[in-house]
Amino acid sequence: MKVSLITVTFNSGMTLRDTIQSVLSQSFPDIEYILVDGLSQDRTIKIVKEYEPLFQNRLKWVSEKDSGLYDAMNKGIRMATGDIIGIINSDDFYFRNDVITKIV
């Protein structure tokens, strides 16, 4: 079973590292991570690019104009290939590394 996690971002440079790190630290073996950015002007994209190699081709991301939060979420859902889709906001993080395992 594959899980797709989606994060929508816009100028989330202050909090995004914690979010990405918590997804990266999950013990569940088959997670696809999707980041949808609304053309951030801060260091958000730099952070995404920094973490991209650590996901070993399990990260998809896009940075382009959207029509708001729900438009961006729907874009992420369309990009998802998982059996289960979850949303984690750009200022949230998983406190434990087994959260997805427990949910699935």
PDB file of N, CA and C in Angstrom:
ATOM      1  N   MET A   1       0.840  -1.178   0.000  1.00  0.00           N
ATOM      2  CA  MET A   1       0.000   0.000   0.000  1.00  0.00           C
ATOM      3  C   MET A   1       0.886   1.243   0.000  1.00  0.00           C
ATOM      4  N   LYS A   2       0.549   2.161  -0.861  1.00  0.00           N
ATOM      5  CA  LYS A   2       1.309   3.403  -0.992  1.00  0.00           C
ATOM      6  C   LYS A   2       0.509   4.564  -0.408  1.00  0.00           C
ATOM      7  N   VAL A   3       1.203   5.440   0.305  1.00  0.00           N
ATOM      8  CA  VAL A   3       0.588   6.621   0.907  1.00  0.00           C
ATOM      9  C   VAL A   3       1.157   7.865   0.235  1.00  0.00           C
ATOM     10  N   SER A   4       0.285   8.736  -0.227  1.00  0.00           N
ATOM     11  CA  SER A   4       0.693  10.031  -0.770  1.00  0.00           C
ATOM     12  C   SER A   4       0.392  11.100   0.275  1.00  0.00           C
ATOM     13  N   LEU A   5       1.416  11.846   0.664  1.00  0.00           N
ATOM     14  CA  LEU A   5       1.249  12.962   1.591  1.00  0.00           C
ATOM     15  C   LEU A   5       1.436  14.258   0.820  1.00  0.00           C
ATOM     16  N   ILE A   6       0.551  15.204   1.035  1.00  0.00           N
ATOM     17  CA  ILE A   6       0.561  16.469   0.304  1.00  0.00           C
ATOM     18  C   ILE A   6       0.747  17.625   1.277  1.00  0.00           C
ATOM     19  N   THR A   7       1.666  18.523   0.925  1.00  0.00           N
ATOM     20  CA  THR A   7       1.845  19.773   1.657  1.00  0.00           C
ATOM     21  C   THR A   7       1.691  20.926   0.678  1.00  0.00           C
ATOM     22  N   VAL A   8       0.815  21.847   1.009  1.00  0.00           N
ATOM     23  CA  VAL A   8       0.643  23.075   0.236  1.00  0.00           C
ATOM     24  C   VAL A   8       1.433  24.166   0.940  1.00  0.00           C
ATOM     25  N   THR A   9       2.219  24.915   0.178  1.00  0.00           N
ATOM     26  CA  THR A   9       3.069  25.939   0.777  1.00  0.00           C
ATOM     27  C   THR A   9       2.917  27.279   0.071  1.00  0.00           C
ATOM     28  N   PHE A  10       3.185  28.317   0.819  1.00  0.00           N
ATOM     29  CA  PHE A  10       3.379  29.655   0.267  1.00  0.00           C
ATOM     30  C   PHE A  10       4.161  30.447   1.302  1.00  0.00           C
ATOM     31  N   ASN A  11       5.383  30.775   0.943  1.00  0.00           N
ATOM     32  CA  ASN A  11       6.279  31.506   1.852  1.00  0.00           C
ATOM     33  C   ASN A  11       6.346  30.834   3.230  1.00  0.00           C
ATOM     34  N   SER A  12       6.641  29.552   3.217  1.00  0.00           N
ATOM     35  CA  SER A  12       6.664  28.737   4.438  1.00  0.00           C
ATOM     36  C   SER A  12       8.076  28.442   4.922  1.00  0.00           C
ATOM     37  N   GLY A  13       9.026  29.253   4.533  1.00  0.00           N
ATOM     38  CA  GLY A  13      10.421  29.006   4.875  1.00  0.00           C
ATOM     39  C   GLY A  13      10.709  28.881   6.361  1.00  0.00           C
ATOM     40  N   MET A  14       9.922  29.524   7.190  1.00  0.00           N
ATOM     41  CA  MET A  14      10.162  29.477   8.640  1.00  0.00           C
ATOM     42  C   MET A  14       9.773  28.135   9.262  1.00  0.00           C
ATOM     43  N   THR A  15       8.857  27.411   8.655  1.00  0.00           N
ATOM     44  CA  THR A  15       8.330  26.189   9.279  1.00  0.00           C
ATOM     45  C   THR A  15       8.504  24.929   8.439  1.00  0.00           C
ATOM     46  N   LEU A  16       8.791  25.077   7.165  1.00  0.00           N
ATOM     47  CA  LEU A  16       8.763  23.944   6.241  1.00  0.00           C
ATOM     48  C   LEU A  16       9.793  22.866   6.552  1.00  0.00           C
ATOM     49  N   ARG A  17      10.953  23.239   7.055  1.00  0.00           N
ATOM     50  CA  ARG A  17      11.978  22.232   7.382  1.00  0.00           C
ATOM     51  C   ARG A  17      11.446  21.183   8.356  1.00  0.00           C
ATOM     52  N   ASP A  18      10.764  21.637   9.399  1.00  0.00           N
ATOM     53  CA  ASP A  18      10.217  20.694  10.384  1.00  0.00           C
ATOM     54  C   ASP A  18       9.188  19.768   9.743  1.00  0.00           C
ATOM     55  N   THR A  19       8.369  20.313   8.868  1.00  0.00           N
ATOM     56  CA  THR A  19       7.360  19.504   8.182  1.00  0.00           C
ATOM     57  C   THR A  19       8.024  18.443   7.321  1.00  0.00           C
ATOM     58  N   ILE A  20       8.950  18.869   6.469  1.00  0.00           N
ATOM     59  CA  ILE A  20       9.624  17.937   5.566  1.00  0.00           C
ATOM     60  C   ILE A  20      10.397  16.888   6.350  1.00  0.00           C
ATOM     61  N   GLN A  21      11.116  17.309   7.360  1.00  0.00           N
ATOM     62  CA  GLN A  21      11.911  16.367   8.153  1.00  0.00           C
ATOM     63  C   GLN A  21      11.020  15.323   8.820  1.00  0.00           C
ATOM     64  N   SER A  22       9.853  15.730   9.281  1.00  0.00           N
ATOM     65  CA  SER A  22       8.958  14.770   9.934  1.00  0.00           C
ATOM     66  C   SER A  22       8.399  13.758   8.939  1.00  0.00           C
ATOM     67  N   VAL A  23       8.165  14.174   7.699  1.00  0.00           N
ATOM     68  CA  VAL A  23       7.728  13.236   6.660  1.00  0.00           C
ATOM     69  C   VAL A  23       8.877  12.298   6.308  1.00  0.00           C
ATOM     70  N   LEU A  24      10.044  12.858   6.127  1.00  0.00           N
ATOM     71  CA  LEU A  24      11.225  12.060   5.786  1.00  0.00           C
ATOM     72  C   LEU A  24      11.536  11.026   6.863  1.00  0.00           C
ATOM     73  N   SER A  25      11.239  11.327   8.097  1.00  0.00           N
ATOM     74  CA  SER A  25      11.555  10.443   9.224  1.00  0.00           C
ATOM     75  C   SER A  25      10.525   9.336   9.450  1.00  0.00           C
ATOM     76  N   GLN A  26       9.444   9.344   8.707  1.00  0.00           N
ATOM     77  CA  GLN A  26       8.416   8.325   8.918  1.00  0.00           C
ATOM     78  C   GLN A  26       8.948   6.928   8.600  1.00  0.00           C
ATOM     79  N   SER A  27       8.579   5.968   9.422  1.00  0.00           N
ATOM     80  CA  SER A  27       9.061   4.595   9.262  1.00  0.00           C
ATOM     81  C   SER A  27       8.289   3.818   8.197  1.00  0.00           C
ATOM     82  N   PHE A  28       7.129   4.306   7.786  1.00  0.00           N
ATOM     83  CA  PHE A  28       6.357   3.604   6.755  1.00  0.00           C
ATOM     84  C   PHE A  28       7.169   3.589   5.464  1.00  0.00           C
ATOM     85  N   PRO A  29       7.287   2.419   4.809  1.00  0.00           N
ATOM     86  CA  PRO A  29       8.243   2.287   3.704  1.00  0.00           C
ATOM     87  C   PRO A  29       7.821   2.882   2.365  1.00  0.00           C
ATOM     88  N   ASP A  30       6.537   3.097   2.140  1.00  0.00           N
ATOM     89  CA  ASP A  30       6.120   3.520   0.800  1.00  0.00           C
ATOM     90  C   ASP A  30       5.319   4.822   0.864  1.00  0.00           C
ATOM     91  N   ILE A  31       6.050   5.923   1.020  1.00  0.00           N
ATOM     92  CA  ILE A  31       5.434   7.250   1.068  1.00  0.00           C
ATOM     93  C   ILE A  31       5.895   8.062  -0.139  1.00  0.00           C
ATOM     94  N   GLU A  32       4.931   8.617  -0.823  1.00  0.00           N
ATOM     95  CA  GLU A  32       5.177   9.588  -1.886  1.00  0.00           C
ATOM     96  C   GLU A  32       4.850  10.951  -1.277  1.00  0.00           C
ATOM     97  N   TYR A  33       5.783  11.892  -1.386  1.00  0.00           N
ATOM     98  CA  TYR A  33       5.565  13.213  -0.798  1.00  0.00           C
ATOM     99  C   TYR A  33       5.406  14.234  -1.910  1.00  0.00           C
ATOM    100  N   ILE A  34       4.340  15.008  -1.824  1.00  0.00           N
ATOM    101  CA  ILE A  34       4.014  15.993  -2.853  1.00  0.00           C
ATOM    102  C   ILE A  34       3.948  17.370  -2.205  1.00  0.00           C
ATOM    103  N   LEU A  35       4.737  18.290  -2.729  1.00  0.00           N
ATOM    104  CA  LEU A  35       4.732  19.678  -2.261  1.00  0.00           C
ATOM    105  C   LEU A  35       4.205  20.563  -3.381  1.00  0.00           C
ATOM    106  N   VAL A  36       3.182  21.333  -3.067  1.00  0.00           N
ATOM    107  CA  VAL A  36       2.594  22.253  -4.036  1.00  0.00           C
ATOM    108  C   VAL A  36       2.793  23.662  -3.492  1.00  0.00           C
ATOM    109  N   ASP A  37       3.600  24.433  -4.191  1.00  0.00           N
ATOM    110  CA  ASP A  37       3.964  25.780  -3.752  1.00  0.00           C
ATOM    111  C   ASP A  37       3.325  26.820  -4.669  1.00  0.00           C
ATOM    112  N   GLY A  38       2.872  27.903  -4.092  1.00  0.00           N
ATOM    113  CA  GLY A  38       2.216  28.970  -4.848  1.00  0.00           C
ATOM    114  C   GLY A  38       3.138  30.110  -5.231  1.00  0.00           C
ATOM    115  N   LEU A  39       4.312  29.791  -5.751  1.00  0.00           N
ATOM    116  CA  LEU A  39       5.316  30.787  -6.159  1.00  0.00           C
ATOM    117  C   LEU A  39       5.844  31.596  -4.975  1.00  0.00           C
ATOM    118  N   SER A  40       6.331  30.905  -3.985  1.00  0.00           N
ATOM    119  CA  SER A  40       6.884  31.563  -2.797  1.00  0.00           C
ATOM    120  C   SER A  40       8.009  32.516  -3.159  1.00  0.00           C
ATOM    121  N   GLN A  41       8.110  33.592  -2.387  1.00  0.00           N
ATOM    122  CA  GLN A  41       9.161  34.589  -2.588  1.00  0.00           C
ATOM    123  C   GLN A  41      10.244  34.507  -1.519  1.00  0.00           C
ATOM    124  N   ASP A  42      10.086  33.627  -0.560  1.00  0.00           N
ATOM    125  CA  ASP A  42      11.101  33.458   0.485  1.00  0.00           C
ATOM    126  C   ASP A  42      11.999  32.273   0.126  1.00  0.00           C
ATOM    127  N   ARG A  43      12.530  31.585   1.084  1.00  0.00           N
ATOM    128  CA  ARG A  43      13.469  30.486   0.810  1.00  0.00           C
ATOM    129  C   ARG A  43      12.794  29.113   0.729  1.00  0.00           C
ATOM    130  N   THR A  44      11.488  29.083   0.578  1.00  0.00           N
ATOM    131  CA  THR A  44      10.745  27.821   0.519  1.00  0.00           C
ATOM    132  C   THR A  44      11.301  26.876  -0.543  1.00  0.00           C
ATOM    133  N   ILE A  45      11.463  27.339  -1.761  1.00  0.00           N
ATOM    134  CA  ILE A  45      11.920  26.470  -2.853  1.00  0.00           C
ATOM    135  C   ILE A  45      13.351  26.006  -2.616  1.00  0.00           C
ATOM    136  N   LYS A  46      14.183  26.851  -2.070  1.00  0.00           N
ATOM    137  CA  LYS A  46      15.551  26.452  -1.734  1.00  0.00           C
ATOM    138  C   LYS A  46      15.532  25.276  -0.750  1.00  0.00           C
ATOM    139  N   ILE A  47      14.650  25.327   0.222  1.00  0.00           N
ATOM    140  CA  ILE A  47      14.525  24.250   1.208  1.00  0.00           C
ATOM    141  C   ILE A  47      14.050  22.968   0.531  1.00  0.00           C
ATOM    142  N   VAL A  48      13.050  23.073  -0.336  1.00  0.00           N
ATOM    143  CA  VAL A  48      12.544  21.896  -1.058  1.00  0.00           C
ATOM    144  C   VAL A  48      13.667  21.252  -1.863  1.00  0.00           C
ATOM    145  N   LYS A  49      14.421  22.053  -2.594  1.00  0.00           N
ATOM    146  CA  LYS A  49      15.522  21.523  -3.407  1.00  0.00           C
ATOM    147  C   LYS A  49      16.608  20.888  -2.544  1.00  0.00           C
ATOM    148  N   GLU A  50      16.822  21.420  -1.373  1.00  0.00           N
ATOM    149  CA  GLU A  50      17.814  20.873  -0.448  1.00  0.00           C
ATOM    150  C   GLU A  50      17.425  19.459   0.005  1.00  0.00           C
ATOM    151  N   TYR A  51      16.150  19.249   0.256  1.00  0.00           N
ATOM    152  CA  TYR A  51      15.671  17.946   0.734  1.00  0.00           C
ATOM    153  C   TYR A  51      15.381  16.957  -0.390  1.00  0.00           C
ATOM    154  N   GLU A  52      15.219  17.433  -1.603  1.00  0.00           N
ATOM    155  CA  GLU A  52      14.804  16.574  -2.719  1.00  0.00           C
ATOM    156  C   GLU A  52      15.640  15.300  -2.860  1.00  0.00           C
ATOM    157  N   PRO A  53      16.972  15.366  -2.834  1.00  0.00           N
ATOM    158  CA  PRO A  53      17.753  14.126  -2.999  1.00  0.00           C
ATOM    159  C   PRO A  53      17.544  13.117  -1.867  1.00  0.00           C
ATOM    160  N   LEU A  54      17.199  13.587  -0.688  1.00  0.00           N
ATOM    161  CA  LEU A  54      17.013  12.688   0.454  1.00  0.00           C
ATOM    162  C   LEU A  54      15.780  11.803   0.302  1.00  0.00           C
ATOM    163  N   PHE A  55      14.852  12.206  -0.528  1.00  0.00           N
ATOM    164  CA  PHE A  55      13.633  11.421  -0.744  1.00  0.00           C
ATOM    165  C   PHE A  55      13.811  10.330  -1.796  1.00  0.00           C
ATOM    166  N   GLN A  56      14.928  10.303  -2.465  1.00  0.00           N
ATOM    167  CA  GLN A  56      15.253   9.248  -3.437  1.00  0.00           C
ATOM    168  C   GLN A  56      14.100   8.994  -4.415  1.00  0.00           C
ATOM    169  N   ASN A  57      13.723  10.025  -5.136  1.00  0.00           N
ATOM    170  CA  ASN A  57      12.673   9.972  -6.162  1.00  0.00           C
ATOM    171  C   ASN A  57      11.270   9.735  -5.613  1.00  0.00           C
ATOM    172  N   ARG A  58      11.061   9.974  -4.338  1.00  0.00           N
ATOM    173  CA  ARG A  58       9.719   9.846  -3.759  1.00  0.00           C
ATOM    174  C   ARG A  58       9.096  11.217  -3.506  1.00  0.00           C
ATOM    175  N   LEU A  59       9.746  12.270  -3.979  1.00  0.00           N
ATOM    176  CA  LEU A  59       9.242  13.634  -3.816  1.00  0.00           C
ATOM    177  C   LEU A  59       8.857  14.201  -5.173  1.00  0.00           C
ATOM    178  N   LYS A  60       7.640  14.716  -5.246  1.00  0.00           N
ATOM    179  CA  LYS A  60       7.187  15.470  -6.414  1.00  0.00           C
ATOM    180  C   LYS A  60       6.885  16.878  -5.914  1.00  0.00           C
ATOM    181  N   TRP A  61       7.253  17.870  -6.687  1.00  0.00           N
ATOM    182  CA  TRP A  61       6.913  19.227  -6.273  1.00  0.00           C
ATOM    183  C   TRP A  61       6.701  20.123  -7.480  1.00  0.00           C
ATOM    184  N   VAL A  62       5.934  21.157  -7.241  1.00  0.00           N
ATOM    185  CA  VAL A  62       5.656  22.147  -8.266  1.00  0.00           C
ATOM    186  C   VAL A  62       5.558  23.501  -7.573  1.00  0.00           C
ATOM    187  N   SER A  63       6.030  24.533  -8.254  1.00  0.00           N
ATOM    188  CA  SER A  63       5.895  25.897  -7.760  1.00  0.00           C
ATOM    189  C   SER A  63       5.329  26.739  -8.893  1.00  0.00           C
ATOM    190  N   GLU A  64       4.061  27.077  -8.758  1.00  0.00           N
ATOM    191  CA  GLU A  64       3.385  27.859  -9.791  1.00  0.00           C
ATOM    192  C   GLU A  64       2.180  28.562  -9.182  1.00  0.00           C
ATOM    193  N   LYS A  65       1.705  29.564  -9.876  1.00  0.00           N
ATOM    194  CA  LYS A  65       0.553  30.326  -9.398  1.00  0.00           C
ATOM    195  C   LYS A  65      -0.652  29.401  -9.278  1.00  0.00           C
ATOM    196  N   ASP A  66      -1.392  29.599  -8.209  1.00  0.00           N
ATOM    197  CA  ASP A  66      -2.633  28.850  -8.037  1.00  0.00           C
ATOM    198  C   ASP A  66      -3.726  29.817  -7.596  1.00  0.00           C
ATOM    199  N   SER A  67      -4.903  29.284  -7.404  1.00  0.00           N
ATOM    200  CA  SER A  67      -6.048  30.117  -7.010  1.00  0.00           C
ATOM    201  C   SER A  67      -6.386  29.971  -5.536  1.00  0.00           C
ATOM    202  N   GLY A  68      -5.381  29.621  -4.740  1.00  0.00           N
ATOM    203  CA  GLY A  68      -5.600  29.511  -3.304  1.00  0.00           C
ATOM    204  C   GLY A  68      -5.359  28.111  -2.778  1.00  0.00           C
ATOM    205  N   LEU A  69      -5.573  27.972  -1.491  1.00  0.00           N
ATOM    206  CA  LEU A  69      -5.276  26.741  -0.764  1.00  0.00           C
ATOM    207  C   LEU A  69      -5.943  25.509  -1.368  1.00  0.00           C
ATOM    208  N   TYR A  70      -7.230  25.582  -1.630  1.00  0.00           N
ATOM    209  CA  TYR A  70      -7.949  24.393  -2.087  1.00  0.00           C
ATOM    210  C   TYR A  70      -7.615  24.048  -3.529  1.00  0.00           C
ATOM    211  N   ASP A  71      -7.341  25.037  -4.339  1.00  0.00           N
ATOM    212  CA  ASP A  71      -6.862  24.780  -5.692  1.00  0.00           C
ATOM    213  C   ASP A  71      -5.532  24.037  -5.629  1.00  0.00           C
ATOM    214  N   ALA A  72      -4.645  24.489  -4.760  1.00  0.00           N
ATOM    215  CA  ALA A  72      -3.341  23.838  -4.610  1.00  0.00           C
ATOM    216  C   ALA A  72      -3.490  22.418  -4.060  1.00  0.00           C
ATOM    217  N   MET A  73      -4.377  22.218  -3.088  1.00  0.00           N
ATOM    218  CA  MET A  73      -4.613  20.863  -2.562  1.00  0.00           C
ATOM    219  C   MET A  73      -5.116  19.936  -3.662  1.00  0.00           C
ATOM    220  N   ASN A  74      -6.057  20.422  -4.449  1.00  0.00           N
ATOM    221  CA  ASN A  74      -6.579  19.605  -5.546  1.00  0.00           C
ATOM    222  C   ASN A  74      -5.505  19.285  -6.571  1.00  0.00           C
ATOM    223  N   LYS A  75      -4.609  20.218  -6.806  1.00  0.00           N
ATOM    224  CA  LYS A  75      -3.479  19.963  -7.698  1.00  0.00           C
ATOM    225  C   LYS A  75      -2.634  18.819  -7.141  1.00  0.00           C
ATOM    226  N   GLY A  76      -2.365  18.854  -5.846  1.00  0.00           N
ATOM    227  CA  GLY A  76      -1.607  17.782  -5.203  1.00  0.00           C
ATOM    228  C   GLY A  76      -2.316  16.445  -5.287  1.00  0.00           C
ATOM    229  N   ILE A  77      -3.617  16.453  -5.091  1.00  0.00           N
ATOM    230  CA  ILE A  77      -4.400  15.214  -5.186  1.00  0.00           C
ATOM    231  C   ILE A  77      -4.313  14.642  -6.595  1.00  0.00           C
ATOM    232  N   ARG A  78      -4.371  15.491  -7.602  1.00  0.00           N
ATOM    233  CA  ARG A  78      -4.244  15.014  -8.987  1.00  0.00           C
ATOM    234  C   ARG A  78      -2.862  14.423  -9.255  1.00  0.00           C
ATOM    235  N   MET A  79      -1.847  14.926  -8.582  1.00  0.00           N
ATOM    236  CA  MET A  79      -0.479  14.409  -8.759  1.00  0.00           C
ATOM    237  C   MET A  79      -0.259  13.090  -8.016  1.00  0.00           C
ATOM    238  N   ALA A  80      -1.094  12.802  -7.039  1.00  0.00           N
ATOM    239  CA  ALA A  80      -0.893  11.653  -6.154  1.00  0.00           C
ATOM    240  C   ALA A  80      -1.149  10.330  -6.870  1.00  0.00           C
ATOM    241  N   THR A  81      -0.338   9.330  -6.511  1.00  0.00           N
ATOM    242  CA  THR A  81      -0.513   7.981  -7.046  1.00  0.00           C
ATOM    243  C   THR A  81      -0.731   6.955  -5.937  1.00  0.00           C
ATOM    244  N   GLY A  82      -0.861   7.403  -4.711  1.00  0.00           N
ATOM    245  CA  GLY A  82      -1.009   6.497  -3.578  1.00  0.00           C
ATOM    246  C   GLY A  82      -2.411   5.932  -3.434  1.00  0.00           C
ATOM    247  N   ASP A  83      -2.499   4.850  -2.666  1.00  0.00           N
ATOM    248  CA  ASP A  83      -3.785   4.241  -2.334  1.00  0.00           C
ATOM    249  C   ASP A  83      -4.512   5.071  -1.275  1.00  0.00           C
ATOM    250  N   ILE A  84      -3.740   5.747  -0.443  1.00  0.00           N
ATOM    251  CA  ILE A  84      -4.261   6.620   0.603  1.00  0.00           C
ATOM    252  C   ILE A  84      -3.623   7.991   0.413  1.00  0.00           C
ATOM    253  N   ILE A  85      -4.413   9.049   0.565  1.00  0.00           N
ATOM    254  CA  ILE A  85      -3.900  10.414   0.438  1.00  0.00           C
ATOM    255  C   ILE A  85      -4.087  11.127   1.767  1.00  0.00           C
ATOM    256  N   GLY A  86      -3.021  11.780   2.218  1.00  0.00           N
ATOM    257  CA  GLY A  86      -3.078  12.558   3.446  1.00  0.00           C
ATOM    258  C   GLY A  86      -2.564  13.966   3.209  1.00  0.00           C
ATOM    259  N   ILE A  87      -2.991  14.882   4.045  1.00  0.00           N
ATOM    260  CA  ILE A  87      -2.562  16.280   3.975  1.00  0.00           C
ATOM    261  C   ILE A  87      -1.799  16.607   5.254  1.00  0.00           C
ATOM    262  N   ILE A  88      -0.639  17.220   5.103  1.00  0.00           N
ATOM    263  CA  ILE A  88       0.089  17.768   6.250  1.00  0.00           C
ATOM    264  C   ILE A  88       0.435  19.210   5.899  1.00  0.00           C
ATOM    265  N   ASN A  89      -0.051  20.131   6.681  1.00  0.00           N
ATOM    266  CA  ASN A  89       0.152  21.554   6.405  1.00  0.00           C
ATOM    267  C   ASN A  89       1.612  21.949   6.589  1.00  0.00           C
ATOM    268  N   SER A  90       1.985  23.042   5.971  1.00  0.00           N
ATOM    269  CA  SER A  90       3.391  23.458   5.941  1.00  0.00           C
ATOM    270  C   SER A  90       3.906  23.990   7.268  1.00  0.00           C
ATOM    271  N   ASP A  91       3.024  24.115   8.249  1.00  0.00           N
ATOM    272  CA  ASP A  91       3.478  24.524   9.582  1.00  0.00           C
ATOM    273  C   ASP A  91       3.174  23.446  10.626  1.00  0.00           C
ATOM    274  N   ASP A  92       2.898  22.230  10.154  1.00  0.00           N
ATOM    275  CA  ASP A  92       2.658  21.087  11.033  1.00  0.00           C
ATOM    276  C   ASP A  92       3.796  20.086  10.890  1.00  0.00           C
ATOM    277  N   PHE A  93       3.877  19.171  11.831  1.00  0.00           N
ATOM    278  CA  PHE A  93       4.857  18.089  11.726  1.00  0.00           C
ATOM    279  C   PHE A  93       4.366  16.896  12.521  1.00  0.00           C
ATOM    280  N   TYR A  94       4.871  15.718  12.139  1.00  0.00           N
ATOM    281  CA  TYR A  94       4.560  14.490  12.870  1.00  0.00           C
ATOM    282  C   TYR A  94       5.511  14.395  14.050  1.00  0.00           C
ATOM    283  N   PHE A  95       4.957  14.249  15.236  1.00  0.00           N
ATOM    284  CA  PHE A  95       5.753  14.213  16.462  1.00  0.00           C
ATOM    285  C   PHE A  95       6.524  12.905  16.597  1.00  0.00           C
ATOM    286  N   ARG A  96       5.949  11.826  16.059  1.00  0.00           N
ATOM    287  CA  ARG A  96       6.601  10.510  16.131  1.00  0.00           C
ATOM    288  C   ARG A  96       6.855   9.997  14.721  1.00  0.00           C
ATOM    289  N   ASN A  97       7.816   9.081  14.585  1.00  0.00           N
ATOM    290  CA  ASN A  97       8.149   8.575  13.253  1.00  0.00           C
ATOM    291  C   ASN A  97       7.267   7.405  12.813  1.00  0.00           C
ATOM    292  N   ASP A  98       6.306   7.003  13.626  1.00  0.00           N
ATOM    293  CA  ASP A  98       5.438   5.887  13.260  1.00  0.00           C
ATOM    294  C   ASP A  98       3.980   6.312  13.049  1.00  0.00           C
ATOM    295  N   VAL A  99       3.739   7.575  12.849  1.00  0.00           N
ATOM    296  CA  VAL A  99       2.370   8.075  12.692  1.00  0.00           C
ATOM    297  C   VAL A  99       1.694   7.434  11.480  1.00  0.00           C
ATOM    298  N   ILE A 100       2.337   7.453  10.334  1.00  0.00           N
ATOM    299  CA  ILE A 100       1.733   6.895   9.118  1.00  0.00           C
ATOM    300  C   ILE A 100       1.561   5.385   9.254  1.00  0.00           C
ATOM    301  N   THR A 101       2.518   4.708   9.837  1.00  0.00           N
ATOM    302  CA  THR A 101       2.403   3.264  10.061  1.00  0.00           C
ATOM    303  C   THR A 101       1.169   2.950  10.902  1.00  0.00           C
ATOM    304  N   LYS A 102       0.933   3.709  11.938  1.00  0.00           N
ATOM    305  CA  LYS A 102      -0.231   3.475  12.805  1.00  0.00           C
ATOM    306  C   LYS A 102      -1.543   3.764  12.075  1.00  0.00           C
ATOM    307  N   ILE A 103      -1.552   4.757  11.219  1.00  0.00           N
ATOM    308  CA  ILE A 103      -2.763   5.096  10.472  1.00  0.00           C
ATOM    309  C   ILE A 103      -3.091   4.024   9.442  1.00  0.00           C
ATOM    310  N   VAL A 104      -2.070   3.567   8.737  1.00  0.00           N
ATOM    311  CA  VAL A 104      -2.281   2.575   7.675  1.00  0.00           C
ATOM    312  C   VAL A 104      -2.587   1.230   8.292  1.00  0.00           C
TER     313      VAL A 104
END
